[in-house]
Amino acid sequence: MITLRMTADVPNNRQVTLLLPAEVPPGPAELVVTVESPNADRECERAEALERFLTSARASSFRSDGPYPSRAELHERH
């Protein structure tokens, strides 16, 4: 398998032509095209933030010492 990484400016007609290097043999080939979304960096930041939050939440030992109060106890008026 030969892996190539190229960048291209995509014109309005969305047509891109590639000239492959000589080490790519002629004949049938499977080409994979990946287009990064404009928000890829933001999505990566969100995923990292979520992972940090989940790690922190899993490590937390915060919990109630007793039974949870009833609705009436929560809304008692003094």
C-alpha atoms as a PDB file:
ATOM      1  CA  MET A   1       0.000   0.000   0.000  1.00  0.00           C
ATOM      2  CA  ILE A   2       1.254   3.465  -0.863  1.00  0.00           C
ATOM      3  CA  THR A   3      -0.001   6.344   1.259  1.00  0.00           C
ATOM      4  CA  LEU A   4       0.014   9.831  -0.208  1.00  0.00           C
ATOM      5  CA  ARG A   5      -1.000  13.046   1.501  1.00  0.00           C
ATOM      6  CA  MET A   6      -1.788  15.968  -0.763  1.00  0.00           C
ATOM      7  CA  THR A   7      -3.543  19.268  -0.408  1.00  0.00           C
ATOM      8  CA  ALA A   8      -5.654  20.901  -3.084  1.00  0.00           C
ATOM      9  CA  ASP A   9      -7.705  24.005  -3.679  1.00  0.00           C
ATOM     10  CA  VAL A  10     -11.213  22.866  -4.563  1.00  0.00           C
ATOM     11  CA  PRO A  11     -12.701  25.109  -7.269  1.00  0.00           C
ATOM     12  CA  ASN A  12     -16.386  26.004  -7.591  1.00  0.00           C
ATOM     13  CA  ASN A  13     -16.994  23.061  -9.934  1.00  0.00           C
ATOM     14  CA  ARG A  14     -15.591  20.705  -7.224  1.00  0.00           C
ATOM     15  CA  GLN A  15     -13.304  19.016  -9.774  1.00  0.00           C
ATOM     16  CA  VAL A  16      -9.754  18.128  -8.726  1.00  0.00           C
ATOM     17  CA  THR A  17      -7.166  16.360 -10.898  1.00  0.00           C
ATOM     18  CA  LEU A  18      -4.314  14.407  -9.289  1.00  0.00           C
ATOM     19  CA  LEU A  19      -1.011  13.463 -10.880  1.00  0.00           C
ATOM     20  CA  LEU A  20       0.269  10.446  -8.979  1.00  0.00           C
ATOM     21  CA  PRO A  21       3.989   9.748  -8.504  1.00  0.00           C
ATOM     22  CA  ALA A  22       5.793   7.110 -10.584  1.00  0.00           C
ATOM     23  CA  GLU A  23       5.826   4.550  -7.738  1.00  0.00           C
ATOM     24  CA  VAL A  24       2.040   4.175  -8.054  1.00  0.00           C
ATOM     25  CA  PRO A  25       1.532   1.257 -10.465  1.00  0.00           C
ATOM     26  CA  PRO A  26      -0.972   1.546 -13.300  1.00  0.00           C
ATOM     27  CA  GLY A  27      -4.148  -0.532 -13.073  1.00  0.00           C
ATOM     28  CA  PRO A  28      -7.101  -0.731 -10.715  1.00  0.00           C
ATOM     29  CA  ALA A  29      -6.663   1.121  -7.431  1.00  0.00           C
ATOM     30  CA  GLU A  30      -8.780   2.099  -4.463  1.00  0.00           C
ATOM     31  CA  LEU A  31      -8.526   5.795  -3.663  1.00  0.00           C
ATOM     32  CA  VAL A  32      -9.687   7.243  -0.357  1.00  0.00           C
ATOM     33  CA  VAL A  33     -10.480  10.960  -0.223  1.00  0.00           C
ATOM     34  CA  THR A  34     -10.771  12.705   3.139  1.00  0.00           C
ATOM     35  CA  VAL A  35     -12.037  16.259   3.409  1.00  0.00           C
ATOM     36  CA  GLU A  36     -11.552  17.850   6.819  1.00  0.00           C
ATOM     37  CA  SER A  37     -14.579  19.763   7.989  1.00  0.00           C
ATOM     38  CA  PRO A  38     -13.986  23.435   8.805  1.00  0.00           C
ATOM     39  CA  ASN A  39     -14.953  22.649  12.410  1.00  0.00           C
ATOM     40  CA  ALA A  40     -12.614  19.656  12.801  1.00  0.00           C
ATOM     41  CA  ASP A  41     -10.400  21.487  15.323  1.00  0.00           C
ATOM     42  CA  ARG A  42     -13.444  22.552  17.347  1.00  0.00           C
ATOM     43  CA  GLU A  43     -14.808  18.990  17.334  1.00  0.00           C
ATOM     44  CA  CYS A  44     -11.447  17.712  18.542  1.00  0.00           C
ATOM     45  CA  GLU A  45     -11.420  20.285  21.371  1.00  0.00           C
ATOM     46  CA  ARG A  46     -14.940  19.212  22.399  1.00  0.00           C
ATOM     47  CA  ALA A  47     -13.973  15.537  22.424  1.00  0.00           C
ATOM     48  CA  GLU A  48     -10.901  16.275  24.549  1.00  0.00           C
ATOM     49  CA  ALA A  49     -12.948  18.425  26.960  1.00  0.00           C
ATOM     50  CA  LEU A  50     -15.563  15.670  27.291  1.00  0.00           C
ATOM     51  CA  GLU A  51     -12.863  13.103  28.010  1.00  0.00           C
ATOM     52  CA  ARG A  52     -11.326  15.365  30.713  1.00  0.00           C
ATOM     53  CA  PHE A  53     -14.776  15.853  32.269  1.00  0.00           C
ATOM     54  CA  LEU A  54     -15.541  12.117  32.259  1.00  0.00           C
ATOM     55  CA  THR A  55     -12.144  11.292  33.762  1.00  0.00           C
ATOM     56  CA  SER A  56     -12.750  13.824  36.525  1.00  0.00           C
ATOM     57  CA  ALA A  57     -16.323  12.600  37.124  1.00  0.00           C
ATOM     58  CA  ARG A  58     -15.195   8.972  37.368  1.00  0.00           C
ATOM     59  CA  ALA A  59     -12.504   9.931  39.897  1.00  0.00           C
ATOM     60  CA  SER A  60     -14.931  11.932  42.048  1.00  0.00           C
ATOM     61  CA  SER A  61     -15.947  10.513  45.403  1.00  0.00           C
ATOM     62  CA  PHE A  62     -18.719  13.092  45.958  1.00  0.00           C
ATOM     63  CA  ARG A  63     -21.881  11.423  47.197  1.00  0.00           C
ATOM     64  CA  SER A  64     -24.707  11.908  49.636  1.00  0.00           C
ATOM     65  CA  ASP A  65     -24.120  10.700  53.209  1.00  0.00           C
ATOM     66  CA  GLY A  66     -27.753   9.809  53.765  1.00  0.00           C
ATOM     67  CA  PRO A  67     -31.052   9.337  51.997  1.00  0.00           C
ATOM     68  CA  TYR A  68     -32.131  12.016  49.583  1.00  0.00           C
ATOM     69  CA  PRO A  69     -34.661  14.505  50.995  1.00  0.00           C
ATOM     70  CA  SER A  70     -38.269  14.162  49.932  1.00  0.00           C
ATOM     71  CA  ARG A  71     -39.943  16.779  47.748  1.00  0.00           C
ATOM     72  CA  ALA A  72     -41.810  18.118  50.784  1.00  0.00           C
ATOM     73  CA  GLU A  73     -38.532  18.468  52.726  1.00  0.00           C
ATOM     74  CA  LEU A  74     -36.939  20.298  49.838  1.00  0.00           C
ATOM     75  CA  HIS A  75     -39.767  22.806  49.664  1.00  0.00           C
ATOM     76  CA  GLU A  76     -40.471  23.284  53.387  1.00  0.00           C
ATOM     77  CA  ARG A  77     -41.327  26.837  54.234  1.00  0.00           C
ATOM     78  CA  HIS A  78     -40.141  28.233  57.531  1.00  0.00           C
END
